[in-house]
Amino acid sequence: EVLSSNIANSDTPYYKAVDFDFKDAMTRAIGESESSMEMA
């Protein structure tokens, strides 16, 4: 959905393309954390 929104708005003035880090999102989704520096 995000990528298709970027493609659909390729001719829209001042549109800023967005994406997300899949690995980070998947890590958060399964509840694991690679970092020991999380905010408490």
PDB file of all heavy atoms in Angstrom:
ATOM      1  N   GLU A   1       0.830  -1.211   0.000  1.00  0.00           N
ATOM      2  CA  GLU A   1       0.000   0.000   0.000  1.00  0.00           C
ATOM      3  C   GLU A   1       0.866   1.264   0.000  1.00  0.00           C
ATOM      4  O   GLU A   1       0.573   2.220  -0.723  1.00  0.00           O
ATOM      5  CB  GLU A   1      -0.913   0.020   1.220  1.00  0.00           C
ATOM      6  CG  GLU A   1      -1.996  -1.024   1.206  1.00  0.00           C
ATOM      7  CD  GLU A   1      -2.806  -1.018   2.489  1.00  0.00           C
ATOM      8  OE1 GLU A   1      -2.824   0.012   3.188  1.00  0.00           O
ATOM      9  OE2 GLU A   1      -3.405  -2.056   2.793  1.00  0.00           O
ATOM     10  N   VAL A   2       1.912   1.265   0.809  1.00  0.00           N
ATOM     11  CA  VAL A   2       2.788   2.439   0.905  1.00  0.00           C
ATOM     12  C   VAL A   2       3.486   2.685  -0.428  1.00  0.00           C
ATOM     13  O   VAL A   2       3.519   3.814  -0.932  1.00  0.00           O
ATOM     14  CB  VAL A   2       3.821   2.249   2.048  1.00  0.00           C
ATOM     15  CG1 VAL A   2       4.897   3.321   1.992  1.00  0.00           C
ATOM     16  CG2 VAL A   2       3.130   2.260   3.401  1.00  0.00           C
ATOM     17  N   LEU A   3       4.034   1.621  -1.021  1.00  0.00           N
ATOM     18  CA  LEU A   3       4.747   1.773  -2.291  1.00  0.00           C
ATOM     19  C   LEU A   3       3.808   2.157  -3.427  1.00  0.00           C
ATOM     20  O   LEU A   3       4.162   2.985  -4.273  1.00  0.00           O
ATOM     21  CB  LEU A   3       5.499   0.479  -2.630  1.00  0.00           C
ATOM     22  CG  LEU A   3       6.643   0.126  -1.675  1.00  0.00           C
ATOM     23  CD1 LEU A   3       7.185  -1.258  -1.994  1.00  0.00           C
ATOM     24  CD2 LEU A   3       7.744   1.165  -1.707  1.00  0.00           C
ATOM     25  N   SER A   4       2.617   1.582  -3.438  1.00  0.00           N
ATOM     26  CA  SER A   4       1.669   1.948  -4.490  1.00  0.00           C
ATOM     27  C   SER A   4       1.184   3.387  -4.324  1.00  0.00           C
ATOM     28  O   SER A   4       0.920   4.076  -5.311  1.00  0.00           O
ATOM     29  CB  SER A   4       0.494   0.975  -4.544  1.00  0.00           C
ATOM     30  OG  SER A   4      -0.194   0.959  -3.326  1.00  0.00           O
ATOM     31  N   SER A   5       1.113   3.867  -3.089  1.00  0.00           N
ATOM     32  CA  SER A   5       0.778   5.270  -2.856  1.00  0.00           C
ATOM     33  C   SER A   5       1.873   6.178  -3.391  1.00  0.00           C
ATOM     34  O   SER A   5       1.584   7.225  -3.986  1.00  0.00           O
ATOM     35  CB  SER A   5       0.575   5.517  -1.361  1.00  0.00           C
ATOM     36  OG  SER A   5       0.357   6.877  -1.118  1.00  0.00           O
ATOM     37  N   ASN A   6       3.124   5.782  -3.203  1.00  0.00           N
ATOM     38  CA  ASN A   6       4.237   6.553  -3.766  1.00  0.00           C
ATOM     39  C   ASN A   6       4.138   6.614  -5.287  1.00  0.00           C
ATOM     40  O   ASN A   6       4.304   7.674  -5.886  1.00  0.00           O
ATOM     41  CB  ASN A   6       5.580   5.947  -3.366  1.00  0.00           C
ATOM     42  CG  ASN A   6       5.907   6.155  -1.921  1.00  0.00           C
ATOM     43  OD1 ASN A   6       5.312   6.986  -1.239  1.00  0.00           O
ATOM     44  ND2 ASN A   6       6.861   5.395  -1.427  1.00  0.00           N
ATOM     45  N   ILE A   7       3.863   5.473  -5.906  1.00  0.00           N
ATOM     46  CA  ILE A   7       3.770   5.419  -7.371  1.00  0.00           C
ATOM     47  C   ILE A   7       2.589   6.260  -7.859  1.00  0.00           C
ATOM     48  O   ILE A   7       2.698   6.996  -8.836  1.00  0.00           O
ATOM     49  CB  ILE A   7       3.658   3.953  -7.843  1.00  0.00           C
ATOM     50  CG1 ILE A   7       4.982   3.227  -7.585  1.00  0.00           C
ATOM     51  CG2 ILE A   7       3.289   3.872  -9.315  1.00  0.00           C
ATOM     52  CD1 ILE A   7       4.934   1.728  -7.786  1.00  0.00           C
ATOM     53  N   ALA A   8       1.464   6.170  -7.160  1.00  0.00           N
ATOM     54  CA  ALA A   8       0.284   6.930  -7.565  1.00  0.00           C
ATOM     55  C   ALA A   8       0.497   8.436  -7.456  1.00  0.00           C
ATOM     56  O   ALA A   8      -0.098   9.206  -8.210  1.00  0.00           O
ATOM     57  CB  ALA A   8      -0.921   6.516  -6.719  1.00  0.00           C
ATOM     58  N   ASN A   9       1.353   8.855  -6.551  1.00  0.00           N
ATOM     59  CA  ASN A   9       1.601  10.279  -6.345  1.00  0.00           C
ATOM     60  C   ASN A   9       2.892  10.753  -7.011  1.00  0.00           C
ATOM     61  O   ASN A   9       3.447  11.779  -6.615  1.00  0.00           O
ATOM     62  CB  ASN A   9       1.655  10.590  -4.847  1.00  0.00           C
ATOM     63  CG  ASN A   9       0.299  10.526  -4.220  1.00  0.00           C
ATOM     64  OD1 ASN A   9      -0.586  11.305  -4.556  1.00  0.00           O
ATOM     65  ND2 ASN A   9       0.111   9.580  -3.321  1.00  0.00           N
ATOM     66  N   SER A  10       3.343  10.044  -8.011  1.00  0.00           N
ATOM     67  CA  SER A  10       4.611  10.404  -8.653  1.00  0.00           C
ATOM     68  C   SER A  10       4.550  11.754  -9.368  1.00  0.00           C
ATOM     69  O   SER A  10       5.583  12.380  -9.589  1.00  0.00           O
ATOM     70  CB  SER A  10       5.043   9.318  -9.642  1.00  0.00           C
ATOM     71  OG  SER A  10       4.103   9.226 -10.694  1.00  0.00           O
ATOM     72  N   ASP A  11       3.365  12.219  -9.737  1.00  0.00           N
ATOM     73  CA  ASP A  11       3.211  13.504 -10.408  1.00  0.00           C
ATOM     74  C   ASP A  11       2.622  14.585  -9.500  1.00  0.00           C
ATOM     75  O   ASP A  11       2.340  15.687  -9.963  1.00  0.00           O
ATOM     76  CB  ASP A  11       2.319  13.348 -11.646  1.00  0.00           C
ATOM     77  CG  ASP A  11       2.984  12.517 -12.716  1.00  0.00           C
ATOM     78  OD1 ASP A  11       4.230  12.547 -12.798  1.00  0.00           O
ATOM     79  OD2 ASP A  11       2.265  11.822 -13.465  1.00  0.00           O
ATOM     80  N   THR A  12       2.449  14.281  -8.227  1.00  0.00           N
ATOM     81  CA  THR A  12       1.887  15.244  -7.294  1.00  0.00           C
ATOM     82  C   THR A  12       2.993  16.191  -6.809  1.00  0.00           C
ATOM     83  O   THR A  12       3.986  15.731  -6.251  1.00  0.00           O
ATOM     84  CB  THR A  12       1.269  14.523  -6.078  1.00  0.00           C
ATOM     85  OG1 THR A  12       0.312  13.585  -6.532  1.00  0.00           O
ATOM     86  CG2 THR A  12       0.625  15.509  -5.121  1.00  0.00           C
ATOM     87  N   PRO A  13       2.818  17.489  -7.020  1.00  0.00           N
ATOM     88  CA  PRO A  13       3.850  18.435  -6.568  1.00  0.00           C
ATOM     89  C   PRO A  13       4.053  18.378  -5.056  1.00  0.00           C
ATOM     90  O   PRO A  13       3.094  18.257  -4.294  1.00  0.00           O
ATOM     91  CB  PRO A  13       3.306  19.799  -6.973  1.00  0.00           C
ATOM     92  CG  PRO A  13       2.323  19.508  -8.057  1.00  0.00           C
ATOM     93  CD  PRO A  13       1.749  18.161  -7.743  1.00  0.00           C
ATOM     94  N   TYR A  14       5.299  18.399  -4.625  1.00  0.00           N
ATOM     95  CA  TYR A  14       5.728  18.421  -3.230  1.00  0.00           C
ATOM     96  C   TYR A  14       5.382  17.149  -2.455  1.00  0.00           C
ATOM     97  O   TYR A  14       5.441  17.146  -1.234  1.00  0.00           O
ATOM     98  CB  TYR A  14       5.175  19.657  -2.500  1.00  0.00           C
ATOM     99  CG  TYR A  14       5.609  20.937  -3.143  1.00  0.00           C
ATOM    100  CD1 TYR A  14       4.704  21.682  -3.888  1.00  0.00           C
ATOM    101  CD2 TYR A  14       6.914  21.379  -3.050  1.00  0.00           C
ATOM    102  CE1 TYR A  14       5.098  22.850  -4.515  1.00  0.00           C
ATOM    103  CE2 TYR A  14       7.320  22.543  -3.680  1.00  0.00           C
ATOM    104  CZ  TYR A  14       6.406  23.282  -4.406  1.00  0.00           C
ATOM    105  OH  TYR A  14       6.802  24.421  -5.020  1.00  0.00           O
ATOM    106  N   TYR A  15       5.033  16.077  -3.162  1.00  0.00           N
ATOM    107  CA  TYR A  15       4.791  14.806  -2.470  1.00  0.00           C
ATOM    108  C   TYR A  15       6.136  14.206  -2.082  1.00  0.00           C
ATOM    109  O   TYR A  15       7.072  14.163  -2.872  1.00  0.00           O
ATOM    110  CB  TYR A  15       4.015  13.822  -3.361  1.00  0.00           C
ATOM    111  CG  TYR A  15       3.772  12.495  -2.692  1.00  0.00           C
ATOM    112  CD1 TYR A  15       2.732  12.339  -1.786  1.00  0.00           C
ATOM    113  CD2 TYR A  15       4.600  11.407  -2.938  1.00  0.00           C
ATOM    114  CE1 TYR A  15       2.508  11.130  -1.153  1.00  0.00           C
ATOM    115  CE2 TYR A  15       4.387  10.193  -2.313  1.00  0.00           C
ATOM    116  CZ  TYR A  15       3.342  10.061  -1.419  1.00  0.00           C
ATOM    117  OH  TYR A  15       3.133   8.867  -0.782  1.00  0.00           O
ATOM    118  N   LYS A  16       6.239  13.732  -0.868  1.00  0.00           N
ATOM    119  CA  LYS A  16       7.465  13.122  -0.365  1.00  0.00           C
ATOM    120  C   LYS A  16       7.259  11.615  -0.248  1.00  0.00           C
ATOM    121  O   LYS A  16       6.348  11.154   0.441  1.00  0.00           O
ATOM    122  CB  LYS A  16       7.847  13.686   1.006  1.00  0.00           C
ATOM    123  CG  LYS A  16       7.951  15.201   1.056  1.00  0.00           C
ATOM    124  CD  LYS A  16       9.031  15.711   0.152  1.00  0.00           C
ATOM    125  CE  LYS A  16       9.133  17.212   0.246  1.00  0.00           C
ATOM    126  NZ  LYS A  16       9.785  17.800  -0.885  1.00  0.00           N
ATOM    127  N   ALA A  17       8.090  10.850  -0.952  1.00  0.00           N
ATOM    128  CA  ALA A  17       7.990   9.394  -0.927  1.00  0.00           C
ATOM    129  C   ALA A  17       8.325   8.865   0.467  1.00  0.00           C
ATOM    130  O   ALA A  17       9.237   9.359   1.130  1.00  0.00           O
ATOM    131  CB  ALA A  17       8.941   8.787  -1.954  1.00  0.00           C
ATOM    132  N   VAL A  18       7.576   7.855   0.911  1.00  0.00           N
ATOM    133  CA  VAL A  18       7.785   7.265   2.234  1.00  0.00           C
ATOM    134  C   VAL A  18       7.955   5.755   2.106  1.00  0.00           C
ATOM    135  O   VAL A  18       7.560   5.135   1.117  1.00  0.00           O
ATOM    136  CB  VAL A  18       6.613   7.568   3.195  1.00  0.00           C
ATOM    137  CG1 VAL A  18       6.555   9.038   3.532  1.00  0.00           C
ATOM    138  CG2 VAL A  18       5.293   7.104   2.639  1.00  0.00           C
ATOM    139  N   ASP A  19       8.551   5.171   3.102  1.00  0.00           N
ATOM    140  CA  ASP A  19       8.729   3.725   3.192  1.00  0.00           C
ATOM    141  C   ASP A  19       9.011   3.407   4.654  1.00  0.00           C
ATOM    142  O   ASP A  19       9.096   4.315   5.482  1.00  0.00           O
ATOM    143  CB  ASP A  19       9.883   3.266   2.290  1.00  0.00           C
ATOM    144  CG  ASP A  19       9.810   1.781   1.942  1.00  0.00           C
ATOM    145  OD1 ASP A  19       8.900   1.078   2.450  1.00  0.00           O
ATOM    146  OD2 ASP A  19      10.647   1.312   1.163  1.00  0.00           O
ATOM    147  N   PHE A  20       9.148   2.131   4.993  1.00  0.00           N
ATOM    148  CA  PHE A  20       9.520   1.767   6.356  1.00  0.00           C
ATOM    149  C   PHE A  20      10.509   0.619   6.310  1.00  0.00           C
ATOM    150  O   PHE A  20      10.626  -0.097   5.318  1.00  0.00           O
ATOM    151  CB  PHE A  20       8.305   1.434   7.224  1.00  0.00           C
ATOM    152  CG  PHE A  20       7.510   0.230   6.773  1.00  0.00           C
ATOM    153  CD1 PHE A  20       7.807  -1.030   7.246  1.00  0.00           C
ATOM    154  CD2 PHE A  20       6.444   0.379   5.903  1.00  0.00           C
ATOM    155  CE1 PHE A  20       7.065  -2.127   6.847  1.00  0.00           C
ATOM    156  CE2 PHE A  20       5.694  -0.707   5.501  1.00  0.00           C
ATOM    157  CZ  PHE A  20       6.009  -1.968   5.969  1.00  0.00           C
ATOM    158  N   ASP A  21      11.241   0.481   7.392  1.00  0.00           N
ATOM    159  CA  ASP A  21      12.231  -0.578   7.518  1.00  0.00           C
ATOM    160  C   ASP A  21      11.498  -1.867   7.897  1.00  0.00           C
ATOM    161  O   ASP A  21      11.004  -1.997   9.019  1.00  0.00           O
ATOM    162  CB  ASP A  21      13.260  -0.198   8.574  1.00  0.00           C
ATOM    163  CG  ASP A  21      14.359  -1.228   8.738  1.00  0.00           C
ATOM    164  OD1 ASP A  21      14.505  -2.111   7.872  1.00  0.00           O
ATOM    165  OD2 ASP A  21      15.086  -1.145   9.756  1.00  0.00           O
ATOM    166  N   PHE A  22      11.435  -2.805   6.954  1.00  0.00           N
ATOM    167  CA  PHE A  22      10.663  -4.030   7.177  1.00  0.00           C
ATOM    168  C   PHE A  22      11.235  -4.839   8.336  1.00  0.00           C
ATOM    169  O   PHE A  22      10.492  -5.372   9.156  1.00  0.00           O
ATOM    170  CB  PHE A  22      10.625  -4.883   5.902  1.00  0.00           C
ATOM    171  CG  PHE A  22       9.769  -6.101   6.047  1.00  0.00           C
ATOM    172  CD1 PHE A  22       8.403  -6.020   5.872  1.00  0.00           C
ATOM    173  CD2 PHE A  22      10.319  -7.328   6.376  1.00  0.00           C
ATOM    174  CE1 PHE A  22       7.592  -7.131   6.030  1.00  0.00           C
ATOM    175  CE2 PHE A  22       9.528  -8.448   6.530  1.00  0.00           C
ATOM    176  CZ  PHE A  22       8.165  -8.351   6.353  1.00  0.00           C
ATOM    177  N   LYS A  23      12.557  -4.926   8.403  1.00  0.00           N
ATOM    178  CA  LYS A  23      13.186  -5.718   9.464  1.00  0.00           C
ATOM    179  C   LYS A  23      12.833  -5.168  10.843  1.00  0.00           C
ATOM    180  O   LYS A  23      12.477  -5.930  11.745  1.00  0.00           O
ATOM    181  CB  LYS A  23      14.702  -5.730   9.278  1.00  0.00           C
ATOM    182  CG  LYS A  23      15.433  -6.537  10.308  1.00  0.00           C
ATOM    183  CD  LYS A  23      16.925  -6.487  10.099  1.00  0.00           C
ATOM    184  CE  LYS A  23      17.636  -7.234  11.213  1.00  0.00           C
ATOM    185  NZ  LYS A  23      19.078  -7.063  11.153  1.00  0.00           N
ATOM    186  N   ASP A  24      12.908  -3.856  10.990  1.00  0.00           N
ATOM    187  CA  ASP A  24      12.565  -3.234  12.266  1.00  0.00           C
ATOM    188  C   ASP A  24      11.083  -3.442  12.594  1.00  0.00           C
ATOM    189  O   ASP A  24      10.725  -3.754  13.733  1.00  0.00           O
ATOM    190  CB  ASP A  24      12.897  -1.743  12.221  1.00  0.00           C
ATOM    191  CG  ASP A  24      12.570  -1.046  13.517  1.00  0.00           C
ATOM    192  OD1 ASP A  24      13.023  -1.523  14.580  1.00  0.00           O
ATOM    193  OD2 ASP A  24      11.856  -0.019  13.481  1.00  0.00           O
ATOM    194  N   ALA A  25      10.225  -3.281  11.594  1.00  0.00           N
ATOM    195  CA  ALA A  25       8.788  -3.460  11.805  1.00  0.00           C
ATOM    196  C   ALA A  25       8.468  -4.905  12.183  1.00  0.00           C
ATOM    197  O   ALA A  25       7.635  -5.159  13.060  1.00  0.00           O
ATOM    198  CB  ALA A  25       8.019  -3.059  10.552  1.00  0.00           C
ATOM    199  N   MET A  26       9.135  -5.852  11.545  1.00  0.00           N
ATOM    200  CA  MET A  26       8.895  -7.264  11.852  1.00  0.00           C
ATOM    201  C   MET A  26       9.403  -7.604  13.250  1.00  0.00           C
ATOM    202  O   MET A  26       8.761  -8.352  13.989  1.00  0.00           O
ATOM    203  CB  MET A  26       9.569  -8.144  10.791  1.00  0.00           C
ATOM    204  CG  MET A  26       9.160  -9.572  10.842  1.00  0.00           C
ATOM    205  SD  MET A  26       7.420  -9.760  10.450  1.00  0.00           S
ATOM    206  CE  MET A  26       7.112 -11.361  11.121  1.00  0.00           C
ATOM    207  N   THR A  27      10.537  -7.037  13.615  1.00  0.00           N
ATOM    208  CA  THR A  27      11.077  -7.257  14.956  1.00  0.00           C
ATOM    209  C   THR A  27      10.103  -6.752  16.018  1.00  0.00           C
ATOM    210  O   THR A  27       9.847  -7.424  17.009  1.00  0.00           O
ATOM    211  CB  THR A  27      12.433  -6.545  15.113  1.00  0.00           C
ATOM    212  OG1 THR A  27      13.331  -7.039  14.129  1.00  0.00           O
ATOM    213  CG2 THR A  27      13.029  -6.779  16.486  1.00  0.00           C
ATOM    214  N   ARG A  28       9.527  -5.578  15.781  1.00  0.00           N
ATOM    215  CA  ARG A  28       8.545  -5.042  16.726  1.00  0.00           C
ATOM    216  C   ARG A  28       7.267  -5.879  16.726  1.00  0.00           C
ATOM    217  O   ARG A  28       6.645  -6.081  17.762  1.00  0.00           O
ATOM    218  CB  ARG A  28       8.205  -3.602  16.387  1.00  0.00           C
ATOM    219  CG  ARG A  28       9.303  -2.628  16.694  1.00  0.00           C
ATOM    220  CD  ARG A  28       8.824  -1.211  16.420  1.00  0.00           C
ATOM    221  NE  ARG A  28       9.865  -0.237  16.582  1.00  0.00           N
ATOM    222  CZ  ARG A  28      10.211   0.308  17.734  1.00  0.00           C
ATOM    223  NH1 ARG A  28       9.598  -0.049  18.832  1.00  0.00           N
ATOM    224  NH2 ARG A  28      11.177   1.204  17.792  1.00  0.00           N
ATOM    225  N   ALA A  29       6.872  -6.380  15.550  1.00  0.00           N
ATOM    226  CA  ALA A  29       5.631  -7.155  15.452  1.00  0.00           C
ATOM    227  C   ALA A  29       5.714  -8.469  16.211  1.00  0.00           C
ATOM    228  O   ALA A  29       4.736  -8.907  16.813  1.00  0.00           O
ATOM    229  CB  ALA A  29       5.283  -7.410  13.994  1.00  0.00           C
ATOM    230  N   ILE A  30       6.870  -9.116  16.188  1.00  0.00           N
ATOM    231  CA  ILE A  30       6.988 -10.397  16.886  1.00  0.00           C
ATOM    232  C   ILE A  30       7.412 -10.223  18.335  1.00  0.00           C
ATOM    233  O   ILE A  30       7.522 -11.188  19.073  1.00  0.00           O
ATOM    234  CB  ILE A  30       7.932 -11.373  16.152  1.00  0.00           C
ATOM    235  CG1 ILE A  30       9.335 -10.802  16.000  1.00  0.00           C
ATOM    236  CG2 ILE A  30       7.355 -11.768  14.821  1.00  0.00           C
ATOM    237  CD1 ILE A  30      10.332 -11.759  15.382  1.00  0.00           C
ATOM    238  N   GLY A  31       7.664  -8.954  18.717  1.00  0.00           N
ATOM    239  CA  GLY A  31       7.917  -8.681  20.126  1.00  0.00           C
ATOM    240  C   GLY A  31       9.339  -8.892  20.566  1.00  0.00           C
ATOM    241  O   GLY A  31       9.614  -8.949  21.750  1.00  0.00           O
ATOM    242  N   GLU A  32      10.262  -9.017  19.650  1.00  0.00           N
ATOM    243  CA  GLU A  32      11.662  -9.170  20.007  1.00  0.00           C
ATOM    244  C   GLU A  32      12.348  -7.825  19.868  1.00  0.00           C
ATOM    245  O   GLU A  32      11.907  -6.960  19.139  1.00  0.00           O
ATOM    246  CB  GLU A  32      12.350 -10.184  19.094  1.00  0.00           C
ATOM    247  CG  GLU A  32      11.831 -11.576  19.240  1.00  0.00           C
ATOM    248  CD  GLU A  32      12.503 -12.543  18.298  1.00  0.00           C
ATOM    249  OE1 GLU A  32      13.404 -12.129  17.558  1.00  0.00           O
ATOM    250  OE2 GLU A  32      12.128 -13.712  18.310  1.00  0.00           O
ATOM    251  N   SER A  33      13.444  -7.685  20.533  1.00  0.00           N
ATOM    252  CA  SER A  33      14.213  -6.452  20.423  1.00  0.00           C
ATOM    253  C   SER A  33      15.676  -6.795  20.253  1.00  0.00           C
ATOM    254  O   SER A  33      16.229  -7.591  21.002  1.00  0.00           O
ATOM    255  CB  SER A  33      14.007  -5.593  21.663  1.00  0.00           C
ATOM    256  OG  SER A  33      14.812  -4.451  21.587  1.00  0.00           O
ATOM    257  N   GLU A  34      16.300  -6.198  19.265  1.00  0.00           N
ATOM    258  CA  GLU A  34      17.720  -6.423  19.044  1.00  0.00           C
ATOM    259  C   GLU A  34      18.554  -5.475  19.883  1.00  0.00           C
ATOM    260  O   GLU A  34      19.719  -5.688  20.096  1.00  0.00           O
ATOM    261  CB  GLU A  34      18.059  -6.216  17.570  1.00  0.00           C
ATOM    262  CG  GLU A  34      17.463  -7.247  16.667  1.00  0.00           C
ATOM    263  CD  GLU A  34      17.837  -7.017  15.227  1.00  0.00           C
ATOM    264  OE1 GLU A  34      18.394  -5.955  14.898  1.00  0.00           O
ATOM    265  OE2 GLU A  34      17.601  -7.923  14.428  1.00  0.00           O
ATOM    266  N   SER A  35      17.969  -4.409  20.330  1.00  0.00           N
ATOM    267  CA  SER A  35      18.707  -3.380  21.030  1.00  0.00           C
ATOM    268  C   SER A  35      18.507  -3.499  22.530  1.00  0.00           C
ATOM    269  O   SER A  35      17.411  -3.740  23.006  1.00  0.00           O
ATOM    270  CB  SER A  35      18.238  -1.997  20.565  1.00  0.00           C
ATOM    271  OG  SER A  35      18.849  -0.997  21.343  1.00  0.00           O
ATOM    272  N   SER A  36      19.578  -3.320  23.254  1.00  0.00           N
ATOM    273  CA  SER A  36      19.467  -3.281  24.707  1.00  0.00           C
ATOM    274  C   SER A  36      19.353  -1.841  25.187  1.00  0.00           C
ATOM    275  O   SER A  36      19.394  -1.575  26.367  1.00  0.00           O
ATOM    276  CB  SER A  36      20.690  -3.951  25.334  1.00  0.00           C
ATOM    277  OG  SER A  36      21.858  -3.250  24.958  1.00  0.00           O
ATOM    278  N   MET A  37      19.230  -0.899  24.243  1.00  0.00           N
ATOM    279  CA  MET A  37      19.189   0.518  24.551  1.00  0.00           C
ATOM    280  C   MET A  37      17.770   1.070  24.453  1.00  0.00           C
ATOM    281  O   MET A  37      17.575   2.223  24.128  1.00  0.00           O
ATOM    282  CB  MET A  37      20.100   1.287  23.597  1.00  0.00           C
ATOM    283  CG  MET A  37      21.521   0.816  23.576  1.00  0.00           C
ATOM    284  SD  MET A  37      22.541   1.554  24.829  1.00  0.00           S
ATOM    285  CE  MET A  37      22.418   3.262  24.442  1.00  0.00           C
ATOM    286  N   GLU A  38      16.768   0.271  24.704  1.00  0.00           N
ATOM    287  CA  GLU A  38      15.402   0.743  24.621  1.00  0.00           C
ATOM    288  C   GLU A  38      15.099   1.718  25.747  1.00  0.00           C
ATOM    289  O   GLU A  38      15.660   1.625  26.834  1.00  0.00           O
ATOM    290  CB  GLU A  38      14.433  -0.437  24.707  1.00  0.00           C
ATOM    291  CG  GLU A  38      14.439  -1.287  23.471  1.00  0.00           C
ATOM    292  CD  GLU A  38      13.352  -2.337  23.528  1.00  0.00           C
ATOM    293  OE1 GLU A  38      12.314  -2.106  24.174  1.00  0.00           O
ATOM    294  OE2 GLU A  38      13.546  -3.386  22.937  1.00  0.00           O
ATOM    295  N   MET A  39      14.192   2.642  25.469  1.00  0.00           N
ATOM    296  CA  MET A  39      13.793   3.595  26.487  1.00  0.00           C
ATOM    297  C   MET A  39      12.884   2.913  27.504  1.00  0.00           C
ATOM    298  O   MET A  39      12.019   2.128  27.142  1.00  0.00           O
ATOM    299  CB  MET A  39      13.050   4.772  25.855  1.00  0.00           C
ATOM    300  CG  MET A  39      13.923   5.621  24.994  1.00  0.00           C
ATOM    301  SD  MET A  39      13.166   7.172  24.542  1.00  0.00           S
ATOM    302  CE  MET A  39      11.831   6.647  23.521  1.00  0.00           C
ATOM    303  N   ALA A  40      13.100   3.239  28.751  1.00  0.00           N
ATOM    304  CA  ALA A  40      12.275   2.697  29.815  1.00  0.00           C
ATOM    305  C   ALA A  40      11.189   3.714  30.153  1.00  0.00           C
ATOM    306  O   ALA A  40      11.473   4.904  30.290  1.00  0.00           O
ATOM    307  CB  ALA A  40      13.121   2.397  31.042  1.00  0.00           C
TER     308      ALA A  40
END
